[in-house]
Amino acid sequence: MFCPFCGGGGFGGAGGLGFIISLIFTLLLLVGIGLLIWWLVRQSSMGRYAPPPGPPTASRALEILNERYAKGEINKEEYEQKKRELMG
């Protein structure tokens, strides 16, 4: 294998050691390029895919209960019962 940067002898006269060093360098270069591509893809898609909303928290459920009571959708007894369940 001819290496124009290695001087004479293909691997600079180092023989098998030059081949191993070249192989390691090539593998590191390929891994680096792969990591760069992976990072670029992650950066470009960041913020596009938000996780699905989870179940309402107790404070949000209490807000909804207060709104329903204020609108007259539920009576006082039902409101107090559900509030006790939420605070629970």
N, C-alpha and C. Protein backbone atom coordinates (compact mmCIF):
# COMPACT_ATOMS: atom_id res chain seq x y z
N MET A 1 0.86 -1.17 0.00
CA MET A 1 0.00 0.00 0.00
C MET A 1 0.91 1.24 0.00
N PHE A 2 0.70 2.13 -0.92
CA PHE A 2 1.53 3.32 -1.05
C PHE A 2 0.94 4.46 -0.25
N CYS A 3 1.77 5.12 0.53
CA CYS A 3 1.36 6.25 1.34
C CYS A 3 2.24 7.44 0.97
N PRO A 4 1.69 8.46 0.28
CA PRO A 4 2.52 9.57 -0.15
C PRO A 4 3.03 10.43 1.01
N PHE A 5 2.43 10.34 2.19
CA PHE A 5 2.83 11.16 3.32
C PHE A 5 3.81 10.46 4.24
N CYS A 6 4.07 9.17 4.00
CA CYS A 6 4.85 8.37 4.93
C CYS A 6 6.32 8.28 4.58
N GLY A 7 6.78 8.90 3.55
CA GLY A 7 8.16 8.74 3.13
C GLY A 7 8.30 7.44 2.35
N GLY A 8 9.45 6.85 2.37
CA GLY A 8 9.64 5.60 1.64
C GLY A 8 9.06 4.42 2.37
N GLY A 9 8.73 3.39 1.64
CA GLY A 9 8.31 2.12 2.24
C GLY A 9 6.85 2.02 2.58
N GLY A 10 6.01 2.88 2.10
CA GLY A 10 4.57 2.74 2.31
C GLY A 10 4.12 3.19 3.68
N PHE A 11 4.71 2.68 4.76
CA PHE A 11 4.32 3.07 6.11
C PHE A 11 5.49 3.72 6.84
N GLY A 12 6.36 4.35 6.09
CA GLY A 12 7.47 5.06 6.70
C GLY A 12 8.52 4.13 7.29
N GLY A 13 8.59 2.93 6.79
CA GLY A 13 9.57 1.99 7.29
C GLY A 13 9.18 1.35 8.60
N ALA A 14 8.00 1.65 9.13
CA ALA A 14 7.58 1.09 10.41
C ALA A 14 6.94 -0.28 10.24
N GLY A 15 6.64 -0.68 9.03
CA GLY A 15 6.07 -2.00 8.79
C GLY A 15 4.70 -2.15 9.38
N GLY A 16 4.50 -3.22 10.13
CA GLY A 16 3.20 -3.53 10.71
C GLY A 16 2.72 -2.48 11.70
N LEU A 17 3.63 -1.86 12.41
CA LEU A 17 3.24 -0.83 13.37
C LEU A 17 2.62 0.37 12.67
N GLY A 18 3.16 0.75 11.53
CA GLY A 18 2.58 1.84 10.75
C GLY A 18 1.18 1.50 10.27
N PHE A 19 0.96 0.24 9.90
CA PHE A 19 -0.37 -0.19 9.47
C PHE A 19 -1.37 -0.09 10.63
N ILE A 20 -0.95 -0.52 11.80
CA ILE A 20 -1.84 -0.48 12.98
C ILE A 20 -2.17 0.97 13.33
N ILE A 21 -1.17 1.83 13.29
CA ILE A 21 -1.41 3.24 13.61
C ILE A 21 -2.35 3.86 12.59
N SER A 22 -2.15 3.54 11.32
CA SER A 22 -3.05 4.04 10.27
C SER A 22 -4.47 3.53 10.46
N LEU A 23 -4.60 2.26 10.82
CA LEU A 23 -5.92 1.67 11.04
C LEU A 23 -6.62 2.35 12.22
N ILE A 24 -5.91 2.57 13.30
CA ILE A 24 -6.49 3.23 14.47
C ILE A 24 -6.91 4.65 14.12
N PHE A 25 -6.06 5.37 13.41
CA PHE A 25 -6.38 6.73 13.01
C PHE A 25 -7.62 6.77 12.12
N THR A 26 -7.70 5.84 11.18
CA THR A 26 -8.86 5.77 10.29
C THR A 26 -10.14 5.47 11.06
N LEU A 27 -10.07 4.53 11.99
CA LEU A 27 -11.25 4.20 12.80
C LEU A 27 -11.68 5.40 13.66
N LEU A 28 -10.71 6.08 14.25
CA LEU A 28 -11.05 7.27 15.06
C LEU A 28 -11.68 8.36 14.19
N LEU A 29 -11.17 8.51 12.99
CA LEU A 29 -11.73 9.50 12.07
C LEU A 29 -13.17 9.15 11.71
N LEU A 30 -13.42 7.87 11.40
CA LEU A 30 -14.78 7.45 11.05
C LEU A 30 -15.74 7.59 12.23
N VAL A 31 -15.29 7.24 13.43
CA VAL A 31 -16.14 7.39 14.63
C VAL A 31 -16.43 8.87 14.86
N GLY A 32 -15.42 9.72 14.68
CA GLY A 32 -15.62 11.16 14.85
C GLY A 32 -16.63 11.72 13.85
N ILE A 33 -16.54 11.28 12.60
CA ILE A 33 -17.50 11.73 11.59
C ILE A 33 -18.91 11.25 11.94
N GLY A 34 -19.01 9.99 12.41
CA GLY A 34 -20.31 9.46 12.82
C GLY A 34 -20.91 10.23 13.97
N LEU A 35 -20.09 10.57 14.97
CA LEU A 35 -20.57 11.35 16.10
C LEU A 35 -20.99 12.75 15.68
N LEU A 36 -20.25 13.34 14.76
CA LEU A 36 -20.61 14.67 14.26
C LEU A 36 -21.97 14.63 13.55
N ILE A 37 -22.18 13.62 12.72
CA ILE A 37 -23.47 13.49 12.03
C ILE A 37 -24.59 13.28 13.03
N TRP A 38 -24.36 12.41 14.02
CA TRP A 38 -25.38 12.15 15.05
C TRP A 38 -25.72 13.43 15.80
N TRP A 39 -24.69 14.21 16.17
CA TRP A 39 -24.92 15.46 16.90
C TRP A 39 -25.69 16.46 16.05
N LEU A 40 -25.33 16.58 14.76
CA LEU A 40 -26.02 17.51 13.88
C LEU A 40 -27.49 17.14 13.72
N VAL A 41 -27.79 15.86 13.58
CA VAL A 41 -29.17 15.41 13.44
C VAL A 41 -29.95 15.72 14.71
N ARG A 42 -29.34 15.47 15.87
CA ARG A 42 -30.01 15.77 17.14
C ARG A 42 -30.28 17.25 17.30
N GLN A 43 -29.32 18.08 16.92
CA GLN A 43 -29.49 19.52 17.04
C GLN A 43 -30.58 20.04 16.11
N SER A 44 -30.66 19.47 14.93
CA SER A 44 -31.65 19.96 13.97
C SER A 44 -33.06 19.53 14.33
N SER A 45 -33.20 18.42 15.06
CA SER A 45 -34.54 17.95 15.40
C SER A 45 -34.94 18.34 16.82
N MET A 46 -34.09 19.05 17.54
CA MET A 46 -34.41 19.41 18.92
C MET A 46 -35.60 20.35 18.96
N GLY A 47 -36.55 20.07 19.80
CA GLY A 47 -37.72 20.91 19.95
C GLY A 47 -38.87 20.53 19.03
N ARG A 48 -38.61 19.70 18.05
CA ARG A 48 -39.70 19.31 17.14
C ARG A 48 -40.62 18.28 17.76
N TYR A 49 -40.03 17.41 18.55
CA TYR A 49 -40.81 16.31 19.10
C TYR A 49 -40.91 16.47 20.61
N ALA A 50 -41.96 17.09 21.05
CA ALA A 50 -42.18 17.27 22.48
C ALA A 50 -42.79 15.99 23.03
N PRO A 51 -42.45 15.63 24.24
CA PRO A 51 -43.05 14.44 24.81
C PRO A 51 -44.55 14.64 24.99
N PRO A 52 -45.32 13.58 24.89
CA PRO A 52 -46.77 13.74 25.04
C PRO A 52 -47.11 14.22 26.44
N PRO A 53 -48.15 15.03 26.56
CA PRO A 53 -48.50 15.53 27.89
C PRO A 53 -48.92 14.38 28.80
N GLY A 54 -48.48 14.47 30.03
CA GLY A 54 -48.80 13.43 31.00
C GLY A 54 -50.17 13.68 31.62
N PRO A 55 -50.53 12.84 32.57
CA PRO A 55 -51.81 13.04 33.24
C PRO A 55 -51.80 14.35 34.01
N PRO A 56 -52.96 14.96 34.18
CA PRO A 56 -52.99 16.24 34.89
C PRO A 56 -52.50 16.08 36.32
N THR A 57 -51.78 17.08 36.77
CA THR A 57 -51.29 17.05 38.15
C THR A 57 -52.44 17.42 39.09
N ALA A 58 -52.21 17.23 40.38
CA ALA A 58 -53.26 17.52 41.36
C ALA A 58 -53.62 19.01 41.33
N SER A 59 -52.63 19.88 41.13
CA SER A 59 -52.94 21.32 41.12
C SER A 59 -53.78 21.67 39.89
N ARG A 60 -53.48 21.05 38.75
CA ARG A 60 -54.28 21.31 37.54
C ARG A 60 -55.69 20.74 37.72
N ALA A 61 -55.79 19.58 38.35
CA ALA A 61 -57.11 18.99 38.60
C ALA A 61 -57.92 19.88 39.53
N LEU A 62 -57.27 20.48 40.51
CA LEU A 62 -57.95 21.39 41.42
C LEU A 62 -58.41 22.65 40.68
N GLU A 63 -57.59 23.13 39.76
CA GLU A 63 -57.99 24.28 38.95
C GLU A 63 -59.25 23.96 38.14
N ILE A 64 -59.26 22.79 37.53
CA ILE A 64 -60.43 22.38 36.74
C ILE A 64 -61.66 22.27 37.63
N LEU A 65 -61.48 21.69 38.82
CA LEU A 65 -62.59 21.56 39.76
C LEU A 65 -63.12 22.93 40.15
N ASN A 66 -62.23 23.87 40.42
CA ASN A 66 -62.65 25.23 40.77
C ASN A 66 -63.41 25.89 39.62
N GLU A 67 -62.94 25.68 38.40
CA GLU A 67 -63.62 26.24 37.24
C GLU A 67 -65.03 25.66 37.09
N ARG A 68 -65.13 24.34 37.26
CA ARG A 68 -66.45 23.70 37.13
C ARG A 68 -67.42 24.20 38.19
N TYR A 69 -66.91 24.41 39.42
CA TYR A 69 -67.76 24.92 40.50
C TYR A 69 -68.18 26.36 40.20
N ALA A 70 -67.22 27.15 39.70
CA ALA A 70 -67.52 28.55 39.39
C ALA A 70 -68.54 28.67 38.26
N LYS A 71 -68.51 27.74 37.32
CA LYS A 71 -69.47 27.77 36.20
C LYS A 71 -70.83 27.20 36.59
N GLY A 72 -70.89 26.60 37.77
CA GLY A 72 -72.16 26.03 38.21
C GLY A 72 -72.41 24.62 37.69
N GLU A 73 -71.38 23.98 37.17
CA GLU A 73 -71.53 22.63 36.63
C GLU A 73 -71.69 21.59 37.74
N ILE A 74 -71.16 21.88 38.92
CA ILE A 74 -71.29 20.98 40.07
C ILE A 74 -71.75 21.79 41.27
N ASN A 75 -72.44 21.10 42.20
CA ASN A 75 -72.91 21.80 43.39
C ASN A 75 -71.84 21.80 44.49
N LYS A 76 -72.15 22.47 45.60
CA LYS A 76 -71.18 22.65 46.67
C LYS A 76 -70.75 21.32 47.28
N GLU A 77 -71.71 20.41 47.50
CA GLU A 77 -71.38 19.13 48.12
C GLU A 77 -70.44 18.31 47.23
N GLU A 78 -70.75 18.29 45.93
CA GLU A 78 -69.91 17.54 45.00
C GLU A 78 -68.52 18.18 44.93
N TYR A 79 -68.49 19.51 44.94
CA TYR A 79 -67.22 20.23 44.91
C TYR A 79 -66.36 19.87 46.11
N GLU A 80 -66.94 19.92 47.31
CA GLU A 80 -66.19 19.64 48.52
C GLU A 80 -65.73 18.19 48.58
N GLN A 81 -66.57 17.26 48.10
CA GLN A 81 -66.19 15.85 48.08
C GLN A 81 -64.99 15.61 47.17
N LYS A 82 -65.07 16.16 45.97
CA LYS A 82 -63.99 15.97 45.00
C LYS A 82 -62.71 16.67 45.46
N LYS A 83 -62.85 17.82 46.12
CA LYS A 83 -61.70 18.53 46.63
C LYS A 83 -60.99 17.70 47.71
N ARG A 84 -61.78 17.09 48.60
CA ARG A 84 -61.19 16.22 49.64
C ARG A 84 -60.47 15.05 49.00
N GLU A 85 -61.03 14.49 47.96
CA GLU A 85 -60.38 13.36 47.26
C GLU A 85 -59.06 13.79 46.64
N LEU A 86 -59.06 14.99 46.05
CA LEU A 86 -57.83 15.47 45.42
C LEU A 86 -56.75 15.82 46.43
N MET A 87 -57.15 16.39 47.53
CA MET A 87 -56.18 16.81 48.55
C MET A 87 -55.69 15.63 49.37
N GLY A 88 -56.43 14.58 49.35
CA GLY A 88 -56.27 13.42 49.97
C GLY A 88 -55.49 12.63 50.75
